[in-house]
């Protein structure tokens, strides 16, 4: 049986599923209220990855169109569903929306120890440009700062 993987805009009804993934993936997860605030922010874009009708991942990005920049907040994929390409299609969705909105540069932070995520971002053209010391808690860890020019792709 072929599996159907899609990216869809996030809806308010998706928040419980997204929060469950947030809690599975992050040691200091955002609350459902925080996720709702991002979803309702007119300067953000939120997408879900859906496999066979089940939400398995999500991403959120703030758009600062006035200065031509974007900031990826979270990208997360349920650990039970990694390897199906959800991370790839979520990053592509963010890059596509950035180009449509005229956002030239996109920034993100990623745990220094999360090599798999760094490789995913590098695959799509992100480059490391700095370190933010002790940025993360639970456990304390440095963040690798990454960016991309979305028009390069």
Protein backbone atom coordinates (compact mmCIF):
# COMPACT_ATOMS: atom_id res chain seq x y z
CA UNK A 1 0.00 0.00 0.00
CA UNK A 2 1.35 3.44 -0.96
CA UNK A 3 1.58 5.89 1.91
CA UNK A 4 0.23 9.39 1.32
CA UNK A 5 2.42 12.19 2.79
CA UNK A 6 1.11 15.75 2.48
CA UNK A 7 1.74 19.21 3.87
CA UNK A 8 -1.29 21.26 4.83
CA UNK A 9 -1.78 24.63 6.51
CA UNK A 10 -2.28 24.16 10.24
CA UNK A 11 -5.77 24.68 11.63
CA UNK A 12 -6.84 25.42 15.19
CA UNK A 13 -8.32 21.90 15.34
CA UNK A 14 -4.78 20.52 14.81
CA UNK A 15 -3.36 22.08 17.98
CA UNK A 16 -3.88 19.10 20.30
CA UNK A 17 -2.02 16.80 17.88
CA UNK A 18 0.73 19.38 17.35
CA UNK A 19 1.13 19.89 21.09
CA UNK A 20 1.42 16.11 21.60
CA UNK A 21 4.25 16.04 19.02
CA UNK A 22 5.87 19.08 20.67
CA UNK A 23 5.88 17.21 23.99
CA UNK A 24 7.36 14.07 22.41
CA UNK A 25 10.16 15.95 20.65
CA UNK A 26 11.30 18.70 23.01
CA UNK A 27 12.52 18.63 26.60
CA UNK A 28 11.05 22.11 27.20
CA UNK A 29 7.91 22.07 25.01
CA UNK A 30 5.80 25.07 24.17
CA UNK A 31 2.35 25.14 25.74
CA UNK A 32 -0.75 24.70 23.63
CA UNK A 33 -1.51 28.40 24.25
CA UNK A 34 1.91 29.41 22.88
CA UNK A 35 1.31 27.30 19.78
CA UNK A 36 -2.14 28.88 19.37
CA UNK A 37 -0.59 32.37 19.59
CA UNK A 38 1.84 31.53 16.77
CA UNK A 39 -0.94 30.01 14.67
CA UNK A 40 -3.10 33.12 15.02
CA UNK A 41 -0.25 35.60 14.46
CA UNK A 42 -0.75 37.28 11.06
CA UNK A 43 3.04 37.30 10.61
CA UNK A 44 3.47 33.54 10.88
CA UNK A 45 3.04 30.48 8.72
CA UNK A 46 2.30 27.07 10.18
CA UNK A 47 2.13 23.75 8.38
CA UNK A 48 1.40 20.16 9.36
CA UNK A 49 2.79 17.01 7.79
CA UNK A 50 0.05 14.44 7.38
CA UNK A 51 0.69 10.77 6.64
CA UNK A 52 -2.33 8.65 5.73
CA UNK A 53 -4.60 11.22 7.38
CA UNK A 54 -2.60 11.40 10.67
CA UNK A 55 -0.66 14.50 11.71
CA UNK A 56 2.94 13.39 12.18
CA UNK A 57 4.81 16.69 12.19
CA UNK A 58 4.59 20.46 12.03
CA UNK A 59 6.59 23.62 11.45
CA UNK A 60 6.18 27.28 12.34
CA UNK A 61 7.86 30.35 10.92
CA UNK A 62 7.53 34.04 11.65
CA UNK A 63 7.68 36.36 8.64
CA UNK A 64 9.27 39.76 9.03
CA UNK A 65 8.40 40.89 5.51
CA UNK A 66 9.28 44.53 6.15
CA UNK A 67 12.93 43.56 6.58
CA UNK A 68 12.90 40.52 4.28
CA UNK A 69 13.60 37.95 7.01
CA UNK A 70 11.97 34.87 8.46
CA UNK A 71 12.59 32.92 11.66
CA UNK A 72 11.77 29.22 11.92
CA UNK A 73 10.43 28.53 15.39
CA UNK A 74 9.89 24.79 15.55
CA UNK A 75 10.00 21.89 13.18
CA UNK A 76 9.12 18.58 14.78
CA UNK A 77 8.25 15.10 13.55
CA UNK A 78 6.80 12.39 15.77
CA UNK A 79 9.73 10.00 16.44
CA UNK A 80 7.57 7.02 15.43
CA UNK A 81 7.19 8.52 11.94
CA UNK A 82 10.68 9.74 11.13
CA UNK A 83 12.14 8.52 7.87
CA UNK A 84 9.04 9.15 5.74
CA UNK A 85 10.27 12.55 4.46
CA UNK A 86 8.10 14.76 6.68
CA UNK A 87 11.03 16.96 7.73
CA UNK A 88 11.96 17.48 4.08
CA UNK A 89 8.51 18.55 2.97
CA UNK A 90 8.10 20.85 5.97
CA UNK A 91 11.38 22.66 5.24
CA UNK A 92 10.37 22.92 1.57
CA UNK A 93 7.00 24.41 2.57
CA UNK A 94 8.79 27.07 4.65
CA UNK A 95 11.19 27.93 1.82
CA UNK A 96 8.34 28.10 -0.70
CA UNK A 97 6.25 30.45 1.42
CA UNK A 98 9.30 32.62 2.11
CA UNK A 99 9.91 33.06 -1.62
CA UNK A 100 6.23 33.86 -2.21
CA UNK A 101 6.35 36.55 0.47
CA UNK A 102 9.65 38.02 -0.72
CA UNK A 103 11.55 36.88 2.36
CA UNK A 104 15.18 36.63 1.36
CA UNK A 105 16.79 35.20 4.51
CA UNK A 106 15.51 32.62 6.96
CA UNK A 107 17.15 32.03 10.33
CA UNK A 108 16.87 29.25 12.91
CA UNK A 109 18.52 27.83 15.99
CA UNK A 110 19.14 24.12 16.52
CA UNK A 111 20.65 22.21 19.42
CA UNK A 112 24.34 21.63 18.85
CA UNK A 113 23.83 17.93 19.59
CA UNK A 114 20.96 17.54 17.11
CA UNK A 115 23.14 16.54 14.19
CA UNK A 116 20.25 14.93 12.28
CA UNK A 117 18.35 18.24 12.20
CA UNK A 118 21.48 20.15 11.20
CA UNK A 119 22.02 17.74 8.29
CA UNK A 120 18.39 18.19 7.20
CA UNK A 121 18.80 21.98 7.15
CA UNK A 122 22.16 21.75 5.36
CA UNK A 123 20.58 19.49 2.74
CA UNK A 124 18.21 22.38 1.94
CA UNK A 125 20.99 24.98 1.81
CA UNK A 126 21.13 26.32 5.36
CA UNK A 127 24.58 27.23 6.62
CA UNK A 128 25.85 27.54 10.18
CA UNK A 129 27.09 31.02 11.02
CA UNK A 130 27.46 31.11 14.79
CA UNK A 131 26.86 29.65 18.23
CA UNK A 132 24.55 30.92 20.96
CA UNK A 133 26.05 29.74 24.26
CA UNK A 134 23.77 27.94 26.73
CA UNK A 135 20.69 28.81 24.67
CA UNK A 136 18.76 25.64 25.49
CA UNK A 137 17.74 24.27 28.88
CA UNK A 138 16.78 20.78 30.04
CA UNK A 139 19.67 20.08 29.41
CA UNK A 140 21.72 23.24 28.95
CA UNK A 141 23.22 23.20 25.48
CA UNK A 142 24.53 25.64 22.89
CA UNK A 143 22.50 26.50 19.81
CA UNK A 144 23.92 26.44 16.31
CA UNK A 145 22.67 29.48 14.39
CA UNK A 146 21.82 28.72 10.78
CA UNK A 147 20.52 30.76 7.86
CA UNK A 148 19.65 30.49 4.19
CA UNK A 149 18.95 32.86 1.36
CA UNK A 150 15.60 31.48 0.23
CA UNK A 151 16.12 32.73 -3.32
CA UNK A 152 19.22 30.51 -3.75
CA UNK A 153 17.31 27.27 -3.95
